Amino acid sequence: MKTRQAPATWEQVARKLEHEGWEVRCTRVWLAEARREGHIEQATGKSRDAAFAELCQLTLLDTVDGCP
């Protein structure tokens, strides 16, 4: 059974995917991450502030009445 080797550059990957019918785009984002006692929350945003605002919302979902 042959396995397909991944192309070497992002340009080759993009061309391959577009050839296969995918619409491809890439953008830079910030990744914010919080960890506590085995729990991990991750959020992305177009700015650092946006990523941390989303991370704040996600961590609030794990807090009930001020208790972790």
C-alpha atoms as a PDB file:
ATOM      1  CA  MET A   1       0.000   0.000   0.000  1.00  0.00           C
ATOM      2  CA  LYS A   2       1.495   3.327  -1.066  1.00  0.00           C
ATOM      3  CA  THR A   3       1.278   6.358   1.153  1.00  0.00           C
ATOM      4  CA  ARG A   4       1.216   9.860  -0.263  1.00  0.00           C
ATOM      5  CA  GLN A   5       4.063  12.080   0.805  1.00  0.00           C
ATOM      6  CA  ALA A   6       3.100  15.625   1.769  1.00  0.00           C
ATOM      7  CA  PRO A   7       4.403  18.396  -0.519  1.00  0.00           C
ATOM      8  CA  ALA A   8       7.381  20.308   0.822  1.00  0.00           C
ATOM      9  CA  THR A   9       6.069  23.883   0.820  1.00  0.00           C
ATOM     10  CA  TRP A  10       2.833  25.651   1.681  1.00  0.00           C
ATOM     11  CA  GLU A  11       2.539  26.806  -1.929  1.00  0.00           C
ATOM     12  CA  GLN A  12       2.606  23.211  -3.161  1.00  0.00           C
ATOM     13  CA  VAL A  13       0.023  22.202  -0.580  1.00  0.00           C
ATOM     14  CA  ALA A  14      -2.242  25.107  -1.597  1.00  0.00           C
ATOM     15  CA  ARG A  15      -1.941  24.259  -5.303  1.00  0.00           C
ATOM     16  CA  LYS A  16      -2.639  20.579  -4.630  1.00  0.00           C
ATOM     17  CA  LEU A  17      -5.742  21.346  -2.576  1.00  0.00           C
ATOM     18  CA  GLU A  18      -7.027  23.878  -5.116  1.00  0.00           C
ATOM     19  CA  HIS A  19      -6.492  21.308  -7.867  1.00  0.00           C
ATOM     20  CA  GLU A  20      -8.622  18.884  -5.815  1.00  0.00           C
ATOM     21  CA  GLY A  21     -11.432  21.461  -5.642  1.00  0.00           C
ATOM     22  CA  TRP A  22     -10.764  23.033  -2.244  1.00  0.00           C
ATOM     23  CA  GLU A  23     -10.995  26.785  -1.730  1.00  0.00           C
ATOM     24  CA  VAL A  24      -7.869  27.633   0.256  1.00  0.00           C
ATOM     25  CA  ARG A  25      -7.040  30.674   2.384  1.00  0.00           C
ATOM     26  CA  CYS A  26      -4.632  31.408   5.166  1.00  0.00           C
ATOM     27  CA  THR A  27      -4.573  34.146   7.764  1.00  0.00           C
ATOM     28  CA  ARG A  28      -2.525  34.984  10.804  1.00  0.00           C
ATOM     29  CA  VAL A  29      -4.227  34.650  14.164  1.00  0.00           C
ATOM     30  CA  TRP A  30      -3.324  34.908  17.819  1.00  0.00           C
ATOM     31  CA  LEU A  31      -3.708  31.810  19.981  1.00  0.00           C
ATOM     32  CA  ALA A  32      -4.398  32.266  23.693  1.00  0.00           C
ATOM     33  CA  GLU A  33      -4.308  29.257  25.998  1.00  0.00           C
ATOM     34  CA  ALA A  34      -5.211  28.667  29.651  1.00  0.00           C
ATOM     35  CA  ARG A  35      -4.502  25.481  31.608  1.00  0.00           C
ATOM     36  CA  ARG A  36      -5.664  24.424  35.064  1.00  0.00           C
ATOM     37  CA  GLU A  37      -5.766  20.991  36.694  1.00  0.00           C
ATOM     38  CA  GLY A  38      -5.802  19.048  33.440  1.00  0.00           C
ATOM     39  CA  HIS A  39      -8.262  21.385  31.681  1.00  0.00           C
ATOM     40  CA  ILE A  40      -7.150  23.306  28.622  1.00  0.00           C
ATOM     41  CA  GLU A  41      -8.985  26.174  26.980  1.00  0.00           C
ATOM     42  CA  GLN A  42      -7.794  27.675  23.704  1.00  0.00           C
ATOM     43  CA  ALA A  43      -9.095  30.670  21.793  1.00  0.00           C
ATOM     44  CA  THR A  44      -8.026  32.419  18.609  1.00  0.00           C
ATOM     45  CA  GLY A  45      -8.508  35.964  17.393  1.00  0.00           C
ATOM     46  CA  LYS A  46      -7.300  38.429  14.780  1.00  0.00           C
ATOM     47  CA  SER A  47      -5.704  40.437  17.598  1.00  0.00           C
ATOM     48  CA  ARG A  48      -4.242  39.549  20.968  1.00  0.00           C
ATOM     49  CA  ASP A  49      -7.111  41.391  22.668  1.00  0.00           C
ATOM     50  CA  ALA A  50      -9.687  39.408  20.668  1.00  0.00           C
ATOM     51  CA  ALA A  51      -8.037  36.083  21.520  1.00  0.00           C
ATOM     52  CA  PHE A  52      -7.882  36.900  25.225  1.00  0.00           C
ATOM     53  CA  ALA A  53     -11.482  38.182  25.259  1.00  0.00           C
ATOM     54  CA  GLU A  54     -12.609  34.853  23.802  1.00  0.00           C
ATOM     55  CA  LEU A  55     -10.399  32.965  26.262  1.00  0.00           C
ATOM     56  CA  CYS A  56     -11.995  34.900  29.113  1.00  0.00           C
ATOM     57  CA  GLN A  57     -15.454  33.819  27.937  1.00  0.00           C
ATOM     58  CA  LEU A  58     -14.378  30.190  27.665  1.00  0.00           C
ATOM     59  CA  THR A  59     -12.858  30.131  31.149  1.00  0.00           C
ATOM     60  CA  LEU A  60     -15.953  31.801  32.626  1.00  0.00           C
ATOM     61  CA  LEU A  61     -17.967  28.849  31.368  1.00  0.00           C
ATOM     62  CA  ASP A  62     -15.901  26.630  33.725  1.00  0.00           C
ATOM     63  CA  THR A  63     -16.599  28.854  36.737  1.00  0.00           C
ATOM     64  CA  VAL A  64     -19.820  28.553  38.727  1.00  0.00           C
ATOM     65  CA  ASP A  65     -20.640  31.214  41.336  1.00  0.00           C
ATOM     66  CA  GLY A  66     -16.983  32.265  41.543  1.00  0.00           C
ATOM     67  CA  CYS A  67     -15.740  28.736  42.234  1.00  0.00           C
ATOM     68  CA  PRO A  68     -13.443  26.872  39.858  1.00  0.00           C
END
